[in-house]
């Protein structure tokens, strides 16, 4: 049994004990047991997930051919930049959006983050 599984089992046991001790009112208010179960689930979910991330790609992970963009989404951020930030290129617009996320919608921030990570990455 690995460390992660032991940690998961310990957190689940602690959550069960908290659930048994807590009164109905406390369960509704704080529900500490459920919070710990969720946390334990996240720990368990990470175990062994490196195999899901690392691919047997001979060129290595993170290369340009690994990125799959839905054809309907291609060029959306570039079009947004041309419309809303004339005179800026895509990379500088992505950088500007990421500096002030509160000013932009979630959709634009996600597109800018993708552009910053993949299109604007230094080669």
PDB file of N, CA and C in Angstrom:
ATOM      1  N   UNK A   1       0.854  -1.184   0.000  1.00  0.00           N
ATOM      2  CA  UNK A   1       0.000   0.000   0.000  1.00  0.00           C
ATOM      3  C   UNK A   1       0.892   1.236   0.000  1.00  0.00           C
ATOM      4  N   UNK A   2       0.650   2.131  -0.941  1.00  0.00           N
ATOM      5  CA  UNK A   2       1.479   3.324  -1.093  1.00  0.00           C
ATOM      6  C   UNK A   2       1.114   4.412  -0.102  1.00  0.00           C
ATOM      7  N   UNK A   3       1.964   5.428  -0.058  1.00  0.00           N
ATOM      8  CA  UNK A   3       1.736   6.554   0.848  1.00  0.00           C
ATOM      9  C   UNK A   3       0.425   7.259   0.546  1.00  0.00           C
ATOM     10  N   UNK A   4       0.129   7.415  -0.750  1.00  0.00           N
ATOM     11  CA  UNK A   4      -1.083   8.133  -1.139  1.00  0.00           C
ATOM     12  C   UNK A   4      -2.319   7.395  -0.658  1.00  0.00           C
ATOM     13  N   UNK A   5      -2.324   6.081  -0.815  1.00  0.00           N
ATOM     14  CA  UNK A   5      -3.478   5.282  -0.379  1.00  0.00           C
ATOM     15  C   UNK A   5      -3.633   5.344   1.135  1.00  0.00           C
ATOM     16  N   UNK A   6      -2.531   5.308   1.870  1.00  0.00           N
ATOM     17  CA  UNK A   6      -2.597   5.400   3.331  1.00  0.00           C
ATOM     18  C   UNK A   6      -3.155   6.751   3.758  1.00  0.00           C
ATOM     19  N   UNK A   7      -2.695   7.812   3.079  1.00  0.00           N
ATOM     20  CA  UNK A   7      -3.176   9.151   3.395  1.00  0.00           C
ATOM     21  C   UNK A   7      -4.671   9.259   3.092  1.00  0.00           C
ATOM     22  N   UNK A   8      -5.079   8.677   1.971  1.00  0.00           N
ATOM     23  CA  UNK A   8      -6.492   8.682   1.584  1.00  0.00           C
ATOM     24  C   UNK A   8      -7.333   7.956   2.633  1.00  0.00           C
ATOM     25  N   UNK A   9      -6.882   6.752   3.050  1.00  0.00           N
ATOM     26  CA  UNK A   9      -7.625   5.978   4.044  1.00  0.00           C
ATOM     27  C   UNK A   9      -7.717   6.716   5.373  1.00  0.00           C
ATOM     28  N   UNK A  10      -6.621   7.375   5.763  1.00  0.00           N
ATOM     29  CA  UNK A  10      -6.624   8.119   7.023  1.00  0.00           C
ATOM     30  C   UNK A  10      -7.607   9.288   6.959  1.00  0.00           C
ATOM     31  N   UNK A  11      -7.653   9.980   5.842  1.00  0.00           N
ATOM     32  CA  UNK A  11      -8.574  11.111   5.710  1.00  0.00           C
ATOM     33  C   UNK A  11     -10.022  10.645   5.686  1.00  0.00           C
ATOM     34  N   UNK A  12     -10.293   9.525   5.028  1.00  0.00           N
ATOM     35  CA  UNK A  12     -11.648   8.983   4.995  1.00  0.00           C
ATOM     36  C   UNK A  12     -12.085   8.583   6.400  1.00  0.00           C
ATOM     37  N   UNK A  13     -11.196   7.933   7.145  1.00  0.00           N
ATOM     38  CA  UNK A  13     -11.519   7.526   8.517  1.00  0.00           C
ATOM     39  C   UNK A  13     -11.799   8.749   9.387  1.00  0.00           C
ATOM     40  N   UNK A  14     -10.980   9.774   9.258  1.00  0.00           N
ATOM     41  CA  UNK A  14     -11.181  10.996  10.032  1.00  0.00           C
ATOM     42  C   UNK A  14     -12.509  11.652   9.666  1.00  0.00           C
ATOM     43  N   UNK A  15     -12.853  11.627   8.379  1.00  0.00           N
ATOM     44  CA  UNK A  15     -14.118  12.195   7.924  1.00  0.00           C
ATOM     45  C   UNK A  15     -15.302  11.442   8.517  1.00  0.00           C
ATOM     46  N   UNK A  16     -15.203  10.121   8.549  1.00  0.00           N
ATOM     47  CA  UNK A  16     -16.288   9.321   9.132  1.00  0.00           C
ATOM     48  C   UNK A  16     -16.462   9.625  10.610  1.00  0.00           C
ATOM     49  N   UNK A  17     -15.328   9.765  11.316  1.00  0.00           N
ATOM     50  CA  UNK A  17     -15.405  10.080  12.750  1.00  0.00           C
ATOM     51  C   UNK A  17     -16.042  11.451  12.964  1.00  0.00           C
ATOM     52  N   UNK A  18     -15.660  12.417  12.159  1.00  0.00           N
ATOM     53  CA  UNK A  18     -16.256  13.747  12.281  1.00  0.00           C
ATOM     54  C   UNK A  18     -17.752  13.717  11.996  1.00  0.00           C
ATOM     55  N   UNK A  19     -18.152  12.922  11.001  1.00  0.00           N
ATOM     56  CA  UNK A  19     -19.574  12.814  10.679  1.00  0.00           C
ATOM     57  C   UNK A  19     -20.362  12.224  11.849  1.00  0.00           C
ATOM     58  N   UNK A  20     -19.785  11.244  12.513  1.00  0.00           N
ATOM     59  CA  UNK A  20     -20.476  10.612  13.629  1.00  0.00           C
ATOM     60  C   UNK A  20     -20.590  11.560  14.815  1.00  0.00           C
ATOM     61  N   UNK A  21     -19.555  12.363  15.055  1.00  0.00           N
ATOM     62  CA  UNK A  21     -19.543  13.259  16.205  1.00  0.00           C
ATOM     63  C   UNK A  21     -20.404  14.502  15.995  1.00  0.00           C
ATOM     64  N   UNK A  22     -20.478  14.964  14.777  1.00  0.00           N
ATOM     65  CA  UNK A  22     -21.147  16.237  14.517  1.00  0.00           C
ATOM     66  C   UNK A  22     -22.652  16.132  14.722  1.00  0.00           C
ATOM     67  N   UNK A  23     -23.219  17.186  15.240  1.00  0.00           N
ATOM     68  CA  UNK A  23     -24.670  17.220  15.379  1.00  0.00           C
ATOM     69  C   UNK A  23     -25.280  17.582  14.036  1.00  0.00           C
ATOM     70  N   UNK A  24     -26.577  17.410  13.894  1.00  0.00           N
ATOM     71  CA  UNK A  24     -27.241  17.711  12.627  1.00  0.00           C
ATOM     72  C   UNK A  24     -27.038  19.176  12.227  1.00  0.00           C
ATOM     73  N   UNK A  25     -27.081  20.071  13.205  1.00  0.00           N
ATOM     74  CA  UNK A  25     -26.916  21.494  12.909  1.00  0.00           C
ATOM     75  C   UNK A  25     -25.511  21.786  12.377  1.00  0.00           C
ATOM     76  N   UNK A  26     -24.519  21.175  13.016  1.00  0.00           N
ATOM     77  CA  UNK A  26     -23.144  21.381  12.576  1.00  0.00           C
ATOM     78  C   UNK A  26     -22.908  20.784  11.193  1.00  0.00           C
ATOM     79  N   UNK A  27     -23.555  19.661  10.912  1.00  0.00           N
ATOM     80  CA  UNK A  27     -23.409  19.042   9.599  1.00  0.00           C
ATOM     81  C   UNK A  27     -23.904  19.975   8.514  1.00  0.00           C
ATOM     82  N   UNK A  28     -25.044  20.611   8.768  1.00  0.00           N
ATOM     83  CA  UNK A  28     -25.600  21.518   7.777  1.00  0.00           C
ATOM     84  C   UNK A  28     -24.713  22.740   7.588  1.00  0.00           C
ATOM     85  N   UNK A  29     -24.174  23.248   8.722  1.00  0.00           N
ATOM     86  CA  UNK A  29     -23.379  24.466   8.655  1.00  0.00           C
ATOM     87  C   UNK A  29     -22.002  24.230   8.041  1.00  0.00           C
ATOM     88  N   UNK A  30     -21.275  23.303   8.587  1.00  0.00           N
ATOM     89  CA  UNK A  30     -19.865  23.179   8.224  1.00  0.00           C
ATOM     90  C   UNK A  30     -19.557  21.941   7.386  1.00  0.00           C
ATOM     91  N   UNK A  31     -20.169  20.827   7.730  1.00  0.00           N
ATOM     92  CA  UNK A  31     -19.972  19.564   7.023  1.00  0.00           C
ATOM     93  C   UNK A  31     -18.494  19.279   6.794  1.00  0.00           C
ATOM     94  N   UNK A  32     -17.748  19.247   7.882  1.00  0.00           N
ATOM     95  CA  UNK A  32     -16.303  19.044   7.812  1.00  0.00           C
ATOM     96  C   UNK A  32     -15.956  17.679   7.247  1.00  0.00           C
ATOM     97  N   UNK A  33     -16.753  16.689   7.533  1.00  0.00           N
ATOM     98  CA  UNK A  33     -16.480  15.348   7.029  1.00  0.00           C
ATOM     99  C   UNK A  33     -16.519  15.295   5.513  1.00  0.00           C
ATOM    100  N   UNK A  34     -17.525  15.933   4.917  1.00  0.00           N
ATOM    101  CA  UNK A  34     -17.636  15.936   3.462  1.00  0.00           C
ATOM    102  C   UNK A  34     -16.475  16.689   2.837  1.00  0.00           C
ATOM    103  N   UNK A  35     -16.051  17.768   3.477  1.00  0.00           N
ATOM    104  CA  UNK A  35     -14.928  18.543   2.967  1.00  0.00           C
ATOM    105  C   UNK A  35     -13.664  17.673   2.936  1.00  0.00           C
ATOM    106  N   UNK A  36     -13.456  16.910   4.001  1.00  0.00           N
ATOM    107  CA  UNK A  36     -12.276  16.042   4.046  1.00  0.00           C
ATOM    108  C   UNK A  36     -12.383  14.913   3.025  1.00  0.00           C
ATOM    109  N   UNK A  37     -13.575  14.390   2.810  1.00  0.00           N
ATOM    110  CA  UNK A  37     -13.750  13.338   1.807  1.00  0.00           C
ATOM    111  C   UNK A  37     -13.419  13.858   0.419  1.00  0.00           C
ATOM    112  N   UNK A  38     -13.864  15.085   0.123  1.00  0.00           N
ATOM    113  CA  UNK A  38     -13.546  15.672  -1.172  1.00  0.00           C
ATOM    114  C   UNK A  38     -12.035  15.833  -1.326  1.00  0.00           C
ATOM    115  N   UNK A  39     -11.401  16.305  -0.245  1.00  0.00           N
ATOM    116  CA  UNK A  39      -9.958  16.496  -0.278  1.00  0.00           C
ATOM    117  C   UNK A  39      -9.247  15.152  -0.463  1.00  0.00           C
ATOM    118  N   UNK A  40      -9.730  14.141   0.218  1.00  0.00           N
ATOM    119  CA  UNK A  40      -9.137  12.816   0.100  1.00  0.00           C
ATOM    120  C   UNK A  40      -9.306  12.295  -1.317  1.00  0.00           C
ATOM    121  N   UNK A  41     -10.435  12.566  -1.925  1.00  0.00           N
ATOM    122  CA  UNK A  41     -10.667  12.135  -3.293  1.00  0.00           C
ATOM    123  C   UNK A  41      -9.692  12.777  -4.257  1.00  0.00           C
ATOM    124  N   UNK A  42      -9.370  14.052  -4.025  1.00  0.00           N
ATOM    125  CA  UNK A  42      -8.408  14.731  -4.889  1.00  0.00           C
ATOM    126  C   UNK A  42      -7.034  14.099  -4.743  1.00  0.00           C
ATOM    127  N   UNK A  43      -6.669  13.733  -3.504  1.00  0.00           N
ATOM    128  CA  UNK A  43      -5.370  13.103  -3.282  1.00  0.00           C
ATOM    129  C   UNK A  43      -5.338  11.774  -4.019  1.00  0.00           C
ATOM    130  N   UNK A  44      -6.429  11.008  -3.917  1.00  0.00           N
ATOM    131  CA  UNK A  44      -6.472   9.698  -4.552  1.00  0.00           C
ATOM    132  C   UNK A  44      -6.453   9.838  -6.072  1.00  0.00           C
ATOM    133  N   UNK A  45      -7.105  10.862  -6.587  1.00  0.00           N
ATOM    134  CA  UNK A  45      -7.157  11.066  -8.017  1.00  0.00           C
ATOM    135  C   UNK A  45      -5.798  11.351  -8.627  1.00  0.00           C
ATOM    136  N   UNK A  46      -4.896  11.919  -7.850  1.00  0.00           N
ATOM    137  CA  UNK A  46      -3.574  12.245  -8.370  1.00  0.00           C
ATOM    138  C   UNK A  46      -2.678  11.019  -8.459  1.00  0.00           C
ATOM    139  N   UNK A  47      -2.980   9.990  -7.705  1.00  0.00           N
ATOM    140  CA  UNK A  47      -2.088   8.836  -7.646  1.00  0.00           C
ATOM    141  C   UNK A  47      -1.988   8.170  -9.013  1.00  0.00           C
ATOM    142  N   UNK A  48      -0.794   8.071  -9.533  1.00  0.00           N
ATOM    143  CA  UNK A  48      -0.567   7.386 -10.787  1.00  0.00           C
ATOM    144  C   UNK A  48      -1.007   8.154 -12.018  1.00  0.00           C
ATOM    145  N   UNK A  49      -1.393   9.405 -11.864  1.00  0.00           N
ATOM    146  CA  UNK A  49      -1.910  10.134 -13.015  1.00  0.00           C
ATOM    147  C   UNK A  49      -0.800  10.603 -13.957  1.00  0.00           C
ATOM    148  N   UNK A  50       0.440  10.416 -13.576  1.00  0.00           N
ATOM    149  CA  UNK A  50       1.532  10.824 -14.449  1.00  0.00           C
ATOM    150  C   UNK A  50       1.486  10.034 -15.751  1.00  0.00           C
ATOM    151  N   UNK A  51       0.970   8.794 -15.692  1.00  0.00           N
ATOM    152  CA  UNK A  51       0.856   7.980 -16.899  1.00  0.00           C
ATOM    153  C   UNK A  51      -0.170   8.559 -17.867  1.00  0.00           C
ATOM    154  N   UNK A  52      -1.149   9.270 -17.335  1.00  0.00           N
ATOM    155  CA  UNK A  52      -2.135   9.900 -18.197  1.00  0.00           C
ATOM    156  C   UNK A  52      -1.545  11.112 -18.904  1.00  0.00           C
ATOM    157  N   UNK A  53      -0.590  11.771 -18.276  1.00  0.00           N
ATOM    158  CA  UNK A  53      -0.018  13.001 -18.814  1.00  0.00           C
ATOM    159  C   UNK A  53       1.125  12.708 -19.770  1.00  0.00           C
ATOM    160  N   UNK A  54       2.022  11.810 -19.368  1.00  0.00           N
ATOM    161  CA  UNK A  54       3.205  11.509 -20.170  1.00  0.00           C
ATOM    162  C   UNK A  54       2.801  10.540 -21.270  1.00  0.00           C
ATOM    163  N   UNK A  55       3.143  10.894 -22.462  1.00  0.00           N
ATOM    164  CA  UNK A  55       2.804  10.109 -23.637  1.00  0.00           C
ATOM    165  C   UNK A  55       4.077   9.462 -24.148  1.00  0.00           C
ATOM    166  N   UNK A  56       3.959   8.376 -24.846  1.00  0.00           N
ATOM    167  CA  UNK A  56       5.136   7.749 -25.448  1.00  0.00           C
ATOM    168  C   UNK A  56       5.453   8.386 -26.792  1.00  0.00           C
ATOM    169  N   UNK A  57       5.371   9.680 -26.846  1.00  0.00           N
ATOM    170  CA  UNK A  57       5.622  10.429 -28.063  1.00  0.00           C
ATOM    171  C   UNK A  57       7.130  10.595 -28.224  1.00  0.00           C
ATOM    172  N   UNK A  58       7.699  10.149 -29.342  1.00  0.00           N
ATOM    173  CA  UNK A  58       9.153  10.254 -29.500  1.00  0.00           C
ATOM    174  C   UNK A  58       9.655  11.695 -29.529  1.00  0.00           C
ATOM    175  N   UNK A  59       8.808  12.637 -29.937  1.00  0.00           N
ATOM    176  CA  UNK A  59       9.242  14.029 -29.970  1.00  0.00           C
ATOM    177  C   UNK A  59       9.153  14.665 -28.592  1.00  0.00           C
ATOM    178  N   UNK A  60       8.509  13.972 -27.650  1.00  0.00           N
ATOM    179  CA  UNK A  60       8.376  14.482 -26.295  1.00  0.00           C
ATOM    180  C   UNK A  60       7.064  15.212 -26.106  1.00  0.00           C
ATOM    181  N   UNK A  61       6.589  15.291 -24.856  1.00  0.00           N
ATOM    182  CA  UNK A  61       5.321  15.969 -24.606  1.00  0.00           C
ATOM    183  C   UNK A  61       5.452  17.476 -24.792  1.00  0.00           C
ATOM    184  N   UNK A  62       4.361  18.102 -25.157  1.00  0.00           N
ATOM    185  CA  UNK A  62       4.343  19.548 -25.281  1.00  0.00           C
ATOM    186  C   UNK A  62       4.800  20.067 -26.624  1.00  0.00           C
ATOM    187  N   UNK A  63       4.986  19.203 -27.590  1.00  0.00           N
ATOM    188  CA  UNK A  63       5.381  19.666 -28.918  1.00  0.00           C
ATOM    189  C   UNK A  63       4.149  20.141 -29.678  1.00  0.00           C
ATOM    190  N   UNK A  64       4.364  20.881 -30.728  1.00  0.00           N
ATOM    191  CA  UNK A  64       3.278  21.508 -31.461  1.00  0.00           C
ATOM    192  C   UNK A  64       2.275  20.497 -32.021  1.00  0.00           C
ATOM    193  N   UNK A  65       2.732  19.305 -32.409  1.00  0.00           N
ATOM    194  CA  UNK A  65       1.819  18.317 -32.979  1.00  0.00           C
ATOM    195  C   UNK A  65       0.925  17.666 -31.925  1.00  0.00           C
ATOM    196  N   UNK A  66       1.201  17.876 -30.644  1.00  0.00           N
ATOM    197  CA  UNK A  66       0.373  17.324 -29.574  1.00  0.00           C
ATOM    198  C   UNK A  66      -0.868  18.172 -29.312  1.00  0.00           C
ATOM    199  N   UNK A  67      -0.846  19.427 -29.707  1.00  0.00           N
ATOM    200  CA  UNK A  67      -1.944  20.338 -29.399  1.00  0.00           C
ATOM    201  C   UNK A  67      -3.066  20.129 -30.405  1.00  0.00           C
ATOM    202  N   UNK A  68      -4.233  19.813 -29.879  1.00  0.00           N
ATOM    203  CA  UNK A  68      -5.383  19.605 -30.752  1.00  0.00           C
ATOM    204  C   UNK A  68      -6.413  20.688 -30.465  1.00  0.00           C
ATOM    205  N   UNK A  69      -6.680  21.516 -31.467  1.00  0.00           N
ATOM    206  CA  UNK A  69      -7.658  22.593 -31.332  1.00  0.00           C
ATOM    207  C   UNK A  69      -8.850  22.250 -32.212  1.00  0.00           C
ATOM    208  N   UNK A  70     -10.029  22.379 -31.660  1.00  0.00           N
ATOM    209  CA  UNK A  70     -11.245  22.157 -32.429  1.00  0.00           C
ATOM    210  C   UNK A  70     -11.263  23.169 -33.579  1.00  0.00           C
ATOM    211  N   UNK A  71     -11.497  22.724 -34.805  1.00  0.00           N
ATOM    212  CA  UNK A  71     -11.462  23.646 -35.952  1.00  0.00           C
ATOM    213  C   UNK A  71     -12.388  24.861 -35.794  1.00  0.00           C
ATOM    214  N   UNK A  72     -13.510  24.698 -35.115  1.00  0.00           N
ATOM    215  CA  UNK A  72     -14.417  25.840 -34.949  1.00  0.00           C
ATOM    216  C   UNK A  72     -13.856  26.894 -34.006  1.00  0.00           C
ATOM    217  N   UNK A  73     -12.853  26.535 -33.194  1.00  0.00           N
ATOM    218  CA  UNK A  73     -12.263  27.491 -32.256  1.00  0.00           C
ATOM    219  C   UNK A  73     -10.977  28.128 -32.772  1.00  0.00           C
ATOM    220  N   UNK A  74     -10.477  27.657 -33.892  1.00  0.00           N
ATOM    221  CA  UNK A  74      -9.226  28.210 -34.435  1.00  0.00           C
ATOM    222  C   UNK A  74      -9.425  29.671 -34.825  1.00  0.00           C
ATOM    223  N   UNK A  75      -8.533  30.521 -34.368  1.00  0.00           N
ATOM    224  CA  UNK A  75      -8.549  31.930 -34.748  1.00  0.00           C
ATOM    225  C   UNK A  75      -9.516  32.799 -33.955  1.00  0.00           C
ATOM    226  N   UNK A  76     -10.185  32.238 -32.962  1.00  0.00           N
ATOM    227  CA  UNK A  76     -11.148  33.032 -32.187  1.00  0.00           C
ATOM    228  C   UNK A  76     -10.456  34.147 -31.407  1.00  0.00           C
ATOM    229  N   UNK A  77      -9.350  33.817 -30.740  1.00  0.00           N
ATOM    230  CA  UNK A  77      -8.664  34.838 -29.940  1.00  0.00           C
ATOM    231  C   UNK A  77      -8.038  35.889 -30.848  1.00  0.00           C
ATOM    232  N   UNK A  78      -7.472  35.474 -31.959  1.00  0.00           N
ATOM    233  CA  UNK A  78      -6.876  36.426 -32.904  1.00  0.00           C
ATOM    234  C   UNK A  78      -7.936  37.389 -33.416  1.00  0.00           C
ATOM    235  N   UNK A  79      -9.119  36.862 -33.738  1.00  0.00           N
ATOM    236  CA  UNK A  79     -10.212  37.722 -34.202  1.00  0.00           C
ATOM    237  C   UNK A  79     -10.642  38.684 -33.108  1.00  0.00           C
ATOM    238  N   UNK A  80     -10.684  38.185 -31.860  1.00  0.00           N
ATOM    239  CA  UNK A  80     -11.058  39.043 -30.735  1.00  0.00           C
ATOM    240  C   UNK A  80     -10.028  40.161 -30.562  1.00  0.00           C
ATOM    241  N   UNK A  81      -8.754  39.821 -30.696  1.00  0.00           N
ATOM    242  CA  UNK A  81      -7.686  40.812 -30.546  1.00  0.00           C
ATOM    243  C   UNK A  81      -7.796  41.882 -31.634  1.00  0.00           C
ATOM    244  N   UNK A  82      -8.022  41.479 -32.867  1.00  0.00           N
ATOM    245  CA  UNK A  82      -8.135  42.446 -33.964  1.00  0.00           C
ATOM    246  C   UNK A  82      -9.306  43.393 -33.751  1.00  0.00           C
ATOM    247  N   UNK A  83     -10.385  42.876 -33.171  1.00  0.00           N
ATOM    248  CA  UNK A  83     -11.571  43.697 -32.948  1.00  0.00           C
ATOM    249  C   UNK A  83     -11.421  44.618 -31.730  1.00  0.00           C
ATOM    250  N   UNK A  84     -10.872  44.092 -30.633  1.00  0.00           N
ATOM    251  CA  UNK A  84     -10.852  44.820 -29.360  1.00  0.00           C
ATOM    252  C   UNK A  84      -9.526  45.494 -29.015  1.00  0.00           C
ATOM    253  N   UNK A  85      -8.450  45.065 -29.608  1.00  0.00           N
ATOM    254  CA  UNK A  85      -7.138  45.647 -29.327  1.00  0.00           C
ATOM    255  C   UNK A  85      -6.394  45.906 -30.632  1.00  0.00           C
ATOM    256  N   UNK A  86      -6.889  46.802 -31.459  1.00  0.00           N
ATOM    257  CA  UNK A  86      -6.228  47.033 -32.749  1.00  0.00           C
ATOM    258  C   UNK A  86      -4.796  47.532 -32.550  1.00  0.00           C
ATOM    259  N   UNK A  87      -3.924  47.030 -33.383  1.00  0.00           N
ATOM    260  CA  UNK A  87      -2.523  47.443 -33.299  1.00  0.00           C
ATOM    261  C   UNK A  87      -1.667  46.525 -32.447  1.00  0.00           C
ATOM    262  N   UNK A  88      -2.278  45.616 -31.679  1.00  0.00           N
ATOM    263  CA  UNK A  88      -1.506  44.687 -30.850  1.00  0.00           C
ATOM    264  C   UNK A  88      -1.459  43.336 -31.525  1.00  0.00           C
ATOM    265  N   UNK A  89      -0.331  42.638 -31.337  1.00  0.00           N
ATOM    266  CA  UNK A  89      -0.286  41.278 -31.834  1.00  0.00           C
ATOM    267  C   UNK A  89      -0.888  40.336 -30.789  1.00  0.00           C
ATOM    268  N   UNK A  90      -1.087  39.103 -31.184  1.00  0.00           N
ATOM    269  CA  UNK A  90      -1.776  38.143 -30.333  1.00  0.00           C
ATOM    270  C   UNK A  90      -1.050  37.923 -29.007  1.00  0.00           C
ATOM    271  N   UNK A  91       0.256  37.802 -29.045  1.00  0.00           N
ATOM    272  CA  UNK A  91       1.020  37.502 -27.825  1.00  0.00           C
ATOM    273  C   UNK A  91       0.987  38.657 -26.829  1.00  0.00           C
ATOM    274  N   UNK A  92       1.139  39.874 -27.311  1.00  0.00           N
ATOM    275  CA  UNK A  92       1.111  41.014 -26.387  1.00  0.00           C
ATOM    276  C   UNK A  92      -0.302  41.225 -25.849  1.00  0.00           C
ATOM    277  N   UNK A  93      -1.322  40.925 -26.665  1.00  0.00           N
ATOM    278  CA  UNK A  93      -2.703  41.022 -26.183  1.00  0.00           C
ATOM    279  C   UNK A  93      -2.963  39.966 -25.115  1.00  0.00           C
ATOM    280  N   UNK A  94      -2.467  38.753 -25.330  1.00  0.00           N
ATOM    281  CA  UNK A  94      -2.634  37.687 -24.340  1.00  0.00           C
ATOM    282  C   UNK A  94      -1.969  38.073 -23.025  1.00  0.00           C
ATOM    283  N   UNK A  95      -0.795  38.675 -23.135  1.00  0.00           N
ATOM    284  CA  UNK A  95      -0.079  39.112 -21.936  1.00  0.00           C
ATOM    285  C   UNK A  95      -0.857  40.207 -21.203  1.00  0.00           C
ATOM    286  N   UNK A  96      -1.430  41.133 -21.949  1.00  0.00           N
ATOM    287  CA  UNK A  96      -2.210  42.219 -21.352  1.00  0.00           C
ATOM    288  C   UNK A  96      -3.467  41.690 -20.664  1.00  0.00           C
ATOM    289  N   UNK A  97      -4.115  40.731 -21.290  1.00  0.00           N
ATOM    290  CA  UNK A  97      -5.323  40.142 -20.693  1.00  0.00           C
ATOM    291  C   UNK A  97      -4.965  39.410 -19.405  1.00  0.00           C
ATOM    292  N   UNK A  98      -3.875  38.664 -19.423  1.00  0.00           N
ATOM    293  CA  UNK A  98      -3.491  37.893 -18.234  1.00  0.00           C
ATOM    294  C   UNK A  98      -3.043  38.792 -17.086  1.00  0.00           C
ATOM    295  N   UNK A  99      -2.569  39.995 -17.382  1.00  0.00           N
ATOM    296  CA  UNK A  99      -2.180  40.927 -16.316  1.00  0.00           C
ATOM    297  C   UNK A  99      -3.385  41.501 -15.594  1.00  0.00           C
ATOM    298  N   UNK A 100      -4.511  41.644 -16.299  1.00  0.00           N
ATOM    299  CA  UNK A 100      -5.699  42.249 -15.710  1.00  0.00           C
ATOM    300  C   UNK A 100      -6.921  41.387 -16.030  1.00  0.00           C
ATOM    301  N   UNK A 101      -7.012  40.209 -15.379  1.00  0.00           N
ATOM    302  CA  UNK A 101      -8.058  39.235 -15.665  1.00  0.00           C
ATOM    303  C   UNK A 101      -9.453  39.734 -15.311  1.00  0.00           C
ATOM    304  N   UNK A 102      -9.550  40.569 -14.298  1.00  0.00           N
ATOM    305  CA  UNK A 102     -10.871  41.034 -13.845  1.00  0.00           C
ATOM    306  C   UNK A 102     -11.558  41.923 -14.877  1.00  0.00           C
ATOM    307  N   UNK A 103     -10.776  42.518 -15.730  1.00  0.00           N
ATOM    308  CA  UNK A 103     -11.313  43.438 -16.733  1.00  0.00           C
ATOM    309  C   UNK A 103     -11.992  42.689 -17.886  1.00  0.00           C
ATOM    310  N   UNK A 104     -11.653  41.406 -18.076  1.00  0.00           N
ATOM    311  CA  UNK A 104     -12.123  40.633 -19.225  1.00  0.00           C
ATOM    312  C   UNK A 104     -13.004  39.467 -18.783  1.00  0.00           C
ATOM    313  N   UNK A 105     -13.777  38.951 -19.733  1.00  0.00           N
ATOM    314  CA  UNK A 105     -14.654  37.822 -19.430  1.00  0.00           C
ATOM    315  C   UNK A 105     -13.833  36.546 -19.260  1.00  0.00           C
ATOM    316  N   UNK A 106     -14.444  35.567 -18.636  1.00  0.00           N
ATOM    317  CA  UNK A 106     -13.771  34.284 -18.418  1.00  0.00           C
ATOM    318  C   UNK A 106     -13.380  33.647 -19.743  1.00  0.00           C
ATOM    319  N   UNK A 107     -14.241  33.762 -20.717  1.00  0.00           N
ATOM    320  CA  UNK A 107     -13.982  33.185 -22.046  1.00  0.00           C
ATOM    321  C   UNK A 107     -12.712  33.772 -22.654  1.00  0.00           C
ATOM    322  N   UNK A 108     -12.570  35.079 -22.561  1.00  0.00           N
ATOM    323  CA  UNK A 108     -11.398  35.750 -23.140  1.00  0.00           C
ATOM    324  C   UNK A 108     -10.141  35.392 -22.355  1.00  0.00           C
ATOM    325  N   UNK A 109     -10.256  35.306 -21.035  1.00  0.00           N
ATOM    326  CA  UNK A 109      -9.097  34.958 -20.205  1.00  0.00           C
ATOM    327  C   UNK A 109      -8.622  33.547 -20.541  1.00  0.00           C
ATOM    328  N   UNK A 110      -9.550  32.627 -20.740  1.00  0.00           N
ATOM    329  CA  UNK A 110      -9.166  31.257 -21.089  1.00  0.00           C
ATOM    330  C   UNK A 110      -8.473  31.204 -22.450  1.00  0.00           C
ATOM    331  N   UNK A 111      -9.007  31.947 -23.408  1.00  0.00           N
ATOM    332  CA  UNK A 111      -8.370  31.982 -24.732  1.00  0.00           C
ATOM    333  C   UNK A 111      -6.982  32.601 -24.641  1.00  0.00           C
ATOM    334  N   UNK A 112      -6.846  33.665 -23.851  1.00  0.00           N
ATOM    335  CA  UNK A 112      -5.548  34.333 -23.697  1.00  0.00           C
ATOM    336  C   UNK A 112      -4.537  33.414 -23.020  1.00  0.00           C
ATOM    337  N   UNK A 113      -4.986  32.664 -22.043  1.00  0.00           N
ATOM    338  CA  UNK A 113      -4.094  31.735 -21.348  1.00  0.00           C
ATOM    339  C   UNK A 113      -3.602  30.656 -22.310  1.00  0.00           C
ATOM    340  N   UNK A 114      -4.509  30.137 -23.120  1.00  0.00           N
ATOM    341  CA  UNK A 114      -4.115  29.136 -24.108  1.00  0.00           C
ATOM    342  C   UNK A 114      -3.108  29.723 -25.096  1.00  0.00           C
ATOM    343  N   UNK A 115      -3.396  30.926 -25.569  1.00  0.00           N
ATOM    344  CA  UNK A 115      -2.478  31.578 -26.515  1.00  0.00           C
ATOM    345  C   UNK A 115      -1.112  31.813 -25.880  1.00  0.00           C
ATOM    346  N   UNK A 116      -1.103  32.249 -24.645  1.00  0.00           N
ATOM    347  CA  UNK A 116       0.153  32.525 -23.951  1.00  0.00           C
ATOM    348  C   UNK A 116       0.964  31.231 -23.783  1.00  0.00           C
ATOM    349  N   UNK A 117       0.288  30.146 -23.414  1.00  0.00           N
ATOM    350  CA  UNK A 117       0.992  28.887 -23.142  1.00  0.00           C
ATOM    351  C   UNK A 117       1.465  28.178 -24.402  1.00  0.00           C
ATOM    352  N   UNK A 118       0.715  28.265 -25.470  1.00  0.00           N
ATOM    353  CA  UNK A 118       1.067  27.466 -26.643  1.00  0.00           C
ATOM    354  C   UNK A 118       1.524  28.296 -27.832  1.00  0.00           C
ATOM    355  N   UNK A 119       0.803  29.325 -28.180  1.00  0.00           N
ATOM    356  CA  UNK A 119       1.161  30.101 -29.372  1.00  0.00           C
ATOM    357  C   UNK A 119       2.345  31.028 -29.109  1.00  0.00           C
ATOM    358  N   UNK A 120       2.430  31.559 -27.910  1.00  0.00           N
ATOM    359  CA  UNK A 120       3.453  32.560 -27.604  1.00  0.00           C
ATOM    360  C   UNK A 120       4.643  31.995 -26.847  1.00  0.00           C
ATOM    361  N   UNK A 121       4.698  30.677 -26.699  1.00  0.00           N
ATOM    362  CA  UNK A 121       5.799  30.063 -25.943  1.00  0.00           C
ATOM    363  C   UNK A 121       7.109  30.263 -26.700  1.00  0.00           C
ATOM    364  N   UNK A 122       8.151  30.552 -25.964  1.00  0.00           N
ATOM    365  CA  UNK A 122       9.472  30.724 -26.575  1.00  0.00           C
ATOM    366  C   UNK A 122       9.964  29.387 -27.088  1.00  0.00           C
ATOM    367  N   UNK A 123      10.544  29.403 -28.236  1.00  0.00           N
ATOM    368  CA  UNK A 123      11.004  28.141 -28.836  1.00  0.00           C
ATOM    369  C   UNK A 123      12.468  27.941 -28.606  1.00  0.00           C
TER     370      UNK A 123
END
